[in-house]
Amino acid sequence: MIGESESLVYGLIVDEPDSDPDYLATARRHNRQVIQSLGFEDGFPAIISTQFSVHGGMQGFGTHQPQLIHFSMSYPGVEYYWQTWLKKFESVLAQLYWTSARVQLETELSGKHCFSWTSDQTRHLPNQGIVIATCEWAHDII
């Protein structure tokens, strides 16, 4: 693989609470199933189920808790394959219910990048279009 420098990729996918308990149950169950279906193997750069942690809100707190899906992975030189990684991530994102998503990419060679996704609607529904809202680059000056 090109480059042996370490790259860190981590982030958060959020689905805001809803007053409809049936929607919440359906969306949270669906999101959990999508993440579990990713499996344990994937070609480089891998996006696999074990790099995700899905939280559905605490029991007893009703509809006030958002569903949070955290993820992280360390890759060798993933910035050289970043378009492939983004395509894979957006493929997963396209299958989920969510209101916002954010990815942090930290590289030794090209600094820190923050990517944010938002939906055209109040929330993204599975297999609905995705919009990449911003990409910010933070460069450390020595």
N, C-alpha and C. Protein backbone atom coordinates (compact mmCIF):
# COMPACT_ATOMS: atom_id res chain seq x y z
N MET A 1 0.82 -1.17 0.00
CA MET A 1 0.00 0.00 0.00
C MET A 1 0.87 1.24 0.00
N ILE A 2 0.38 2.25 -0.68
CA ILE A 2 1.12 3.51 -0.73
C ILE A 2 1.13 4.11 0.67
N GLY A 3 2.27 4.55 1.09
CA GLY A 3 2.38 5.24 2.37
C GLY A 3 2.19 4.32 3.55
N GLU A 4 3.06 4.40 4.49
CA GLU A 4 2.93 3.61 5.69
C GLU A 4 2.60 4.50 6.88
N SER A 5 2.25 5.75 6.62
CA SER A 5 1.89 6.64 7.71
C SER A 5 0.51 6.27 8.26
N GLU A 6 0.35 6.50 9.53
CA GLU A 6 -0.92 6.18 10.18
C GLU A 6 -1.96 7.26 9.89
N SER A 7 -3.18 6.83 9.62
CA SER A 7 -4.31 7.73 9.43
C SER A 7 -5.42 7.28 10.38
N LEU A 8 -6.00 8.23 11.08
CA LEU A 8 -7.11 7.93 11.98
C LEU A 8 -8.40 8.44 11.36
N VAL A 9 -9.43 7.60 11.36
CA VAL A 9 -10.74 7.98 10.87
C VAL A 9 -11.73 7.67 11.97
N TYR A 10 -12.51 8.68 12.36
CA TYR A 10 -13.50 8.46 13.40
C TYR A 10 -14.65 9.44 13.22
N GLY A 11 -15.78 9.14 13.84
CA GLY A 11 -16.90 10.05 13.68
C GLY A 11 -18.16 9.59 14.38
N LEU A 12 -19.26 10.24 13.96
CA LEU A 12 -20.53 10.06 14.62
C LEU A 12 -21.66 10.25 13.62
N ILE A 13 -22.63 9.34 13.67
CA ILE A 13 -23.86 9.47 12.89
C ILE A 13 -24.97 9.63 13.93
N VAL A 14 -25.82 10.64 13.74
CA VAL A 14 -26.86 10.96 14.72
C VAL A 14 -28.23 10.89 14.06
N ASP A 15 -29.16 10.21 14.73
CA ASP A 15 -30.56 10.29 14.34
C ASP A 15 -31.29 10.91 15.53
N GLU A 16 -31.82 12.12 15.33
CA GLU A 16 -32.47 12.86 16.40
C GLU A 16 -33.74 12.14 16.86
N PRO A 17 -34.14 12.38 18.11
CA PRO A 17 -35.34 11.74 18.63
C PRO A 17 -36.59 12.21 17.87
N ASP A 18 -37.62 11.40 17.98
CA ASP A 18 -38.88 11.67 17.31
C ASP A 18 -39.99 11.37 18.30
N SER A 19 -41.10 12.05 18.19
CA SER A 19 -42.21 11.82 19.13
C SER A 19 -43.00 10.55 18.80
N ASP A 20 -42.74 9.95 17.64
CA ASP A 20 -43.45 8.74 17.24
C ASP A 20 -42.66 7.50 17.70
N PRO A 21 -43.14 6.79 18.71
CA PRO A 21 -42.40 5.63 19.21
C PRO A 21 -42.27 4.52 18.17
N ASP A 22 -43.23 4.39 17.27
CA ASP A 22 -43.13 3.36 16.22
C ASP A 22 -41.99 3.69 15.26
N TYR A 23 -41.87 4.98 14.89
CA TYR A 23 -40.75 5.39 14.03
C TYR A 23 -39.43 5.08 14.72
N LEU A 24 -39.32 5.47 16.00
CA LEU A 24 -38.07 5.25 16.73
C LEU A 24 -37.69 3.78 16.76
N ALA A 25 -38.64 2.93 17.07
CA ALA A 25 -38.35 1.50 17.14
C ALA A 25 -37.91 0.98 15.78
N THR A 26 -38.60 1.38 14.72
CA THR A 26 -38.26 0.93 13.37
C THR A 26 -36.89 1.43 12.95
N ALA A 27 -36.64 2.73 13.12
CA ALA A 27 -35.38 3.34 12.69
C ALA A 27 -34.20 2.76 13.46
N ARG A 28 -34.32 2.63 14.75
CA ARG A 28 -33.21 2.14 15.56
C ARG A 28 -32.90 0.68 15.27
N ARG A 29 -33.93 -0.12 15.12
CA ARG A 29 -33.74 -1.54 14.78
C ARG A 29 -33.09 -1.66 13.39
N HIS A 30 -33.59 -0.87 12.44
CA HIS A 30 -33.05 -0.89 11.08
C HIS A 30 -31.57 -0.50 11.08
N ASN A 31 -31.22 0.60 11.73
CA ASN A 31 -29.83 1.06 11.76
C ASN A 31 -28.90 0.01 12.37
N ARG A 32 -29.35 -0.63 13.45
CA ARG A 32 -28.56 -1.67 14.09
C ARG A 32 -28.33 -2.84 13.13
N GLN A 33 -29.37 -3.22 12.40
CA GLN A 33 -29.26 -4.33 11.45
C GLN A 33 -28.32 -4.00 10.30
N VAL A 34 -28.37 -2.77 9.80
CA VAL A 34 -27.47 -2.37 8.72
C VAL A 34 -26.02 -2.46 9.18
N ILE A 35 -25.72 -1.93 10.36
CA ILE A 35 -24.35 -1.96 10.88
C ILE A 35 -23.90 -3.41 11.09
N GLN A 36 -24.74 -4.24 11.66
CA GLN A 36 -24.39 -5.66 11.88
C GLN A 36 -24.17 -6.39 10.56
N SER A 37 -24.88 -5.99 9.51
CA SER A 37 -24.76 -6.68 8.21
C SER A 37 -23.44 -6.38 7.50
N LEU A 38 -22.68 -5.41 7.98
CA LEU A 38 -21.41 -5.07 7.33
C LEU A 38 -20.40 -6.21 7.44
N GLY A 39 -20.55 -7.04 8.45
CA GLY A 39 -19.66 -8.19 8.60
C GLY A 39 -18.29 -7.80 9.15
N PHE A 40 -17.35 -8.75 9.03
CA PHE A 40 -16.03 -8.60 9.64
C PHE A 40 -14.90 -8.49 8.63
N GLU A 41 -15.21 -8.59 7.34
CA GLU A 41 -14.17 -8.52 6.32
C GLU A 41 -14.60 -7.58 5.21
N ASP A 42 -13.63 -6.84 4.68
CA ASP A 42 -13.88 -5.93 3.58
C ASP A 42 -12.52 -5.59 2.97
N GLY A 43 -12.47 -5.32 1.68
CA GLY A 43 -11.23 -4.92 1.05
C GLY A 43 -10.77 -3.55 1.54
N PHE A 44 -9.51 -3.25 1.37
CA PHE A 44 -8.94 -1.98 1.83
C PHE A 44 -9.48 -0.82 1.01
N PRO A 45 -9.83 0.26 1.66
CA PRO A 45 -9.89 0.48 3.10
C PRO A 45 -11.19 -0.08 3.67
N ALA A 46 -11.06 -0.92 4.66
CA ALA A 46 -12.19 -1.67 5.20
C ALA A 46 -13.16 -0.78 5.97
N ILE A 47 -14.42 -1.07 5.80
CA ILE A 47 -15.48 -0.53 6.65
C ILE A 47 -16.26 -1.76 7.11
N ILE A 48 -16.09 -2.10 8.40
CA ILE A 48 -16.65 -3.35 8.94
C ILE A 48 -17.47 -3.07 10.20
N SER A 49 -18.29 -4.02 10.56
CA SER A 49 -19.23 -3.82 11.67
C SER A 49 -18.54 -3.54 13.00
N THR A 50 -17.38 -4.12 13.23
CA THR A 50 -16.72 -3.97 14.53
C THR A 50 -16.13 -2.58 14.77
N GLN A 51 -16.06 -1.75 13.76
CA GLN A 51 -15.56 -0.39 14.00
C GLN A 51 -16.69 0.55 14.41
N PHE A 52 -17.92 0.05 14.47
CA PHE A 52 -19.09 0.85 14.84
C PHE A 52 -19.60 0.45 16.21
N SER A 53 -20.16 1.42 16.91
CA SER A 53 -20.85 1.20 18.18
C SER A 53 -22.19 1.93 18.08
N VAL A 54 -23.28 1.17 18.19
CA VAL A 54 -24.61 1.73 17.99
C VAL A 54 -25.30 1.88 19.34
N HIS A 55 -25.70 3.10 19.66
CA HIS A 55 -26.43 3.38 20.89
C HIS A 55 -27.83 3.84 20.51
N GLY A 56 -28.83 3.32 21.19
CA GLY A 56 -30.21 3.67 20.86
C GLY A 56 -30.88 4.54 21.88
N GLY A 57 -30.14 5.14 22.77
CA GLY A 57 -30.77 5.90 23.84
C GLY A 57 -30.99 4.98 25.03
N MET A 58 -31.11 5.55 26.17
CA MET A 58 -31.27 4.77 27.40
C MET A 58 -32.72 4.35 27.59
N GLN A 59 -32.91 3.14 28.05
CA GLN A 59 -34.25 2.65 28.37
C GLN A 59 -34.86 3.54 29.44
N GLY A 60 -36.15 3.83 29.30
CA GLY A 60 -36.83 4.63 30.30
C GLY A 60 -36.79 6.12 30.03
N PHE A 61 -36.03 6.55 29.02
CA PHE A 61 -35.97 7.97 28.71
C PHE A 61 -36.83 8.32 27.50
N GLY A 62 -37.61 7.37 27.03
CA GLY A 62 -38.58 7.62 25.98
C GLY A 62 -37.98 8.14 24.70
N THR A 63 -38.61 9.15 24.15
CA THR A 63 -38.24 9.65 22.82
C THR A 63 -37.28 10.83 22.87
N HIS A 64 -36.68 11.10 24.02
CA HIS A 64 -35.81 12.27 24.15
C HIS A 64 -34.36 12.01 23.81
N GLN A 65 -33.98 10.76 23.63
CA GLN A 65 -32.59 10.41 23.39
C GLN A 65 -32.34 10.14 21.91
N PRO A 66 -31.34 10.81 21.30
CA PRO A 66 -31.01 10.49 19.90
C PRO A 66 -30.30 9.15 19.81
N GLN A 67 -30.35 8.55 18.64
CA GLN A 67 -29.55 7.35 18.40
C GLN A 67 -28.19 7.82 17.92
N LEU A 68 -27.14 7.33 18.55
CA LEU A 68 -25.77 7.70 18.20
C LEU A 68 -25.05 6.47 17.67
N ILE A 69 -24.39 6.62 16.55
CA ILE A 69 -23.58 5.55 15.98
C ILE A 69 -22.15 6.09 15.88
N HIS A 70 -21.29 5.61 16.76
CA HIS A 70 -19.88 6.03 16.77
C HIS A 70 -19.08 5.05 15.92
N PHE A 71 -17.99 5.53 15.34
CA PHE A 71 -17.11 4.64 14.59
C PHE A 71 -15.69 5.16 14.62
N SER A 72 -14.74 4.24 14.48
CA SER A 72 -13.34 4.63 14.41
C SER A 72 -12.52 3.49 13.82
N MET A 73 -11.38 3.88 13.23
CA MET A 73 -10.46 2.89 12.66
C MET A 73 -9.12 3.59 12.39
N SER A 74 -8.06 2.84 12.55
CA SER A 74 -6.73 3.31 12.18
C SER A 74 -6.33 2.57 10.90
N TYR A 75 -5.85 3.32 9.92
CA TYR A 75 -5.46 2.75 8.62
C TYR A 75 -4.05 3.19 8.27
N PRO A 76 -3.32 2.41 7.49
CA PRO A 76 -2.05 2.91 6.96
C PRO A 76 -2.33 3.73 5.69
N GLY A 77 -2.05 5.02 5.74
CA GLY A 77 -2.15 5.87 4.55
C GLY A 77 -3.49 5.90 3.85
N VAL A 78 -4.60 5.93 4.60
CA VAL A 78 -5.92 5.89 3.97
C VAL A 78 -6.20 7.11 3.10
N GLU A 79 -5.48 8.20 3.34
CA GLU A 79 -5.72 9.40 2.52
C GLU A 79 -5.43 9.16 1.04
N TYR A 80 -4.59 8.19 0.73
CA TYR A 80 -4.32 7.86 -0.67
C TYR A 80 -5.49 7.11 -1.31
N TYR A 81 -6.38 6.60 -0.48
CA TYR A 81 -7.55 5.84 -0.93
C TYR A 81 -8.84 6.50 -0.44
N TRP A 82 -8.75 7.80 -0.16
CA TRP A 82 -9.86 8.48 0.50
C TRP A 82 -11.15 8.46 -0.32
N GLN A 83 -11.08 8.59 -1.61
CA GLN A 83 -12.30 8.55 -2.42
C GLN A 83 -12.98 7.18 -2.32
N THR A 84 -12.20 6.12 -2.23
CA THR A 84 -12.76 4.78 -2.04
C THR A 84 -13.43 4.68 -0.68
N TRP A 85 -12.74 5.18 0.36
CA TRP A 85 -13.32 5.14 1.70
C TRP A 85 -14.62 5.92 1.74
N LEU A 86 -14.63 7.13 1.17
CA LEU A 86 -15.84 7.96 1.17
C LEU A 86 -16.99 7.27 0.46
N LYS A 87 -16.70 6.64 -0.66
CA LYS A 87 -17.75 5.94 -1.41
C LYS A 87 -18.35 4.81 -0.57
N LYS A 88 -17.49 4.05 0.13
CA LYS A 88 -17.98 2.98 0.99
C LYS A 88 -18.81 3.54 2.16
N PHE A 89 -18.31 4.61 2.78
CA PHE A 89 -19.02 5.20 3.91
C PHE A 89 -20.38 5.75 3.47
N GLU A 90 -20.41 6.44 2.35
CA GLU A 90 -21.68 6.99 1.87
C GLU A 90 -22.65 5.88 1.48
N SER A 91 -22.14 4.74 1.06
CA SER A 91 -22.99 3.59 0.77
C SER A 91 -23.67 3.10 2.05
N VAL A 92 -22.93 3.07 3.15
CA VAL A 92 -23.52 2.70 4.44
C VAL A 92 -24.51 3.77 4.88
N LEU A 93 -24.09 5.03 4.80
CA LEU A 93 -24.94 6.15 5.21
C LEU A 93 -26.26 6.15 4.43
N ALA A 94 -26.21 5.80 3.17
CA ALA A 94 -27.42 5.79 2.33
C ALA A 94 -28.46 4.80 2.83
N GLN A 95 -28.02 3.79 3.57
CA GLN A 95 -28.94 2.75 4.05
C GLN A 95 -29.55 3.07 5.41
N LEU A 96 -29.10 4.14 6.06
CA LEU A 96 -29.48 4.43 7.44
C LEU A 96 -30.50 5.55 7.56
N TYR A 97 -31.15 5.60 8.72
CA TYR A 97 -31.91 6.77 9.17
C TYR A 97 -30.92 7.66 9.93
N TRP A 98 -30.89 8.96 9.62
CA TRP A 98 -29.99 9.87 10.34
C TRP A 98 -30.38 11.32 10.08
N THR A 99 -29.89 12.21 10.95
CA THR A 99 -30.09 13.65 10.76
C THR A 99 -28.78 14.36 10.47
N SER A 100 -27.67 13.81 10.96
CA SER A 100 -26.36 14.39 10.65
C SER A 100 -25.29 13.32 10.78
N ALA A 101 -24.20 13.55 10.08
CA ALA A 101 -23.05 12.65 10.16
C ALA A 101 -21.78 13.48 10.04
N ARG A 102 -20.77 13.04 10.76
CA ARG A 102 -19.49 13.76 10.76
C ARG A 102 -18.35 12.77 10.79
N VAL A 103 -17.34 12.99 9.95
CA VAL A 103 -16.15 12.14 9.90
C VAL A 103 -14.92 13.01 10.09
N GLN A 104 -14.04 12.57 10.97
CA GLN A 104 -12.74 13.22 11.17
C GLN A 104 -11.68 12.33 10.54
N LEU A 105 -10.84 12.90 9.71
CA LEU A 105 -9.69 12.21 9.13
C LEU A 105 -8.45 12.93 9.64
N GLU A 106 -7.59 12.22 10.36
CA GLU A 106 -6.33 12.78 10.84
C GLU A 106 -5.19 12.03 10.18
N THR A 107 -4.35 12.77 9.46
CA THR A 107 -3.22 12.15 8.78
C THR A 107 -1.92 12.80 9.22
N GLU A 108 -0.84 12.04 9.15
CA GLU A 108 0.47 12.57 9.50
C GLU A 108 0.96 13.54 8.43
N LEU A 109 0.59 13.29 7.18
CA LEU A 109 1.13 14.08 6.07
C LEU A 109 0.28 15.28 5.66
N SER A 110 -1.04 15.17 5.76
CA SER A 110 -1.86 16.28 5.26
C SER A 110 -2.82 16.86 6.29
N GLY A 111 -2.54 16.67 7.57
CA GLY A 111 -3.31 17.33 8.61
C GLY A 111 -4.65 16.68 8.91
N LYS A 112 -5.55 17.51 9.41
CA LYS A 112 -6.85 17.06 9.85
C LYS A 112 -7.94 17.57 8.91
N HIS A 113 -8.89 16.71 8.61
CA HIS A 113 -10.00 17.06 7.74
C HIS A 113 -11.29 16.66 8.44
N CYS A 114 -12.32 17.49 8.33
CA CYS A 114 -13.61 17.19 8.92
C CYS A 114 -14.66 17.23 7.81
N PHE A 115 -15.40 16.15 7.67
CA PHE A 115 -16.45 16.03 6.66
C PHE A 115 -17.80 15.96 7.36
N SER A 116 -18.77 16.73 6.88
CA SER A 116 -20.11 16.73 7.48
C SER A 116 -21.15 16.47 6.41
N TRP A 117 -22.11 15.62 6.76
CA TRP A 117 -23.22 15.31 5.87
C TRP A 117 -24.51 15.79 6.51
N THR A 118 -25.40 16.32 5.69
CA THR A 118 -26.74 16.68 6.13
C THR A 118 -27.72 16.18 5.08
N SER A 119 -28.97 16.09 5.48
CA SER A 119 -30.01 15.64 4.57
C SER A 119 -30.74 16.84 3.99
N ASP A 120 -31.28 16.67 2.79
CA ASP A 120 -32.12 17.72 2.19
C ASP A 120 -33.42 17.88 2.97
N GLN A 121 -33.82 16.84 3.66
CA GLN A 121 -35.07 16.84 4.43
C GLN A 121 -34.74 17.01 5.91
N THR A 122 -35.73 16.91 6.76
CA THR A 122 -35.51 16.98 8.20
C THR A 122 -34.58 15.88 8.66
N ARG A 123 -34.74 14.69 8.06
CA ARG A 123 -33.87 13.56 8.37
C ARG A 123 -33.70 12.74 7.10
N HIS A 124 -32.61 11.99 7.06
CA HIS A 124 -32.35 11.10 5.93
C HIS A 124 -33.07 9.78 6.17
N LEU A 125 -33.77 9.32 5.16
CA LEU A 125 -34.41 8.01 5.20
C LEU A 125 -33.60 7.06 4.33
N PRO A 126 -33.63 5.77 4.62
CA PRO A 126 -32.85 4.83 3.82
C PRO A 126 -33.11 4.97 2.33
N ASN A 127 -32.00 4.94 1.56
CA ASN A 127 -32.01 5.01 0.10
C ASN A 127 -32.53 6.33 -0.44
N GLN A 128 -32.39 7.38 0.32
CA GLN A 128 -32.69 8.74 -0.10
C GLN A 128 -31.36 9.39 -0.47
N GLY A 129 -31.34 10.42 -1.29
CA GLY A 129 -30.10 11.07 -1.70
C GLY A 129 -29.30 11.62 -0.53
N ILE A 130 -27.99 11.72 -0.70
CA ILE A 130 -27.08 12.24 0.33
C ILE A 130 -26.42 13.51 -0.19
N VAL A 131 -26.25 14.47 0.70
CA VAL A 131 -25.57 15.71 0.37
C VAL A 131 -24.35 15.83 1.27
N ILE A 132 -23.17 16.07 0.69
CA ILE A 132 -22.00 16.37 1.51
C ILE A 132 -21.98 17.88 1.69
N ALA A 133 -22.11 18.32 2.91
CA ALA A 133 -22.27 19.74 3.18
C ALA A 133 -20.94 20.48 3.22
N THR A 134 -19.97 19.95 3.95
CA THR A 134 -18.72 20.68 4.11
C THR A 134 -17.54 19.73 4.24
N CYS A 135 -16.39 20.25 3.91
CA CYS A 135 -15.12 19.60 4.20
C CYS A 135 -14.19 20.70 4.69
N GLU A 136 -13.79 20.61 5.94
CA GLU A 136 -12.88 21.60 6.51
C GLU A 136 -11.51 20.96 6.69
N TRP A 137 -10.47 21.74 6.45
CA TRP A 137 -9.11 21.23 6.60
C TRP A 137 -8.41 22.07 7.67
N ALA A 138 -7.85 21.43 8.67
CA ALA A 138 -7.08 22.10 9.71
C ALA A 138 -5.62 21.68 9.53
N HIS A 139 -4.75 22.65 9.31
CA HIS A 139 -3.34 22.37 9.06
C HIS A 139 -2.52 22.87 10.23
N ASP A 140 -1.74 21.99 10.83
CA ASP A 140 -0.86 22.38 11.92
C ASP A 140 0.37 23.08 11.36
N ILE A 141 0.66 24.27 11.87
CA ILE A 141 1.82 25.03 11.43
C ILE A 141 2.94 24.82 12.44
N ILE A 142 4.09 24.47 11.92
CA ILE A 142 5.24 24.19 12.80
C ILE A 142 6.12 25.40 12.89
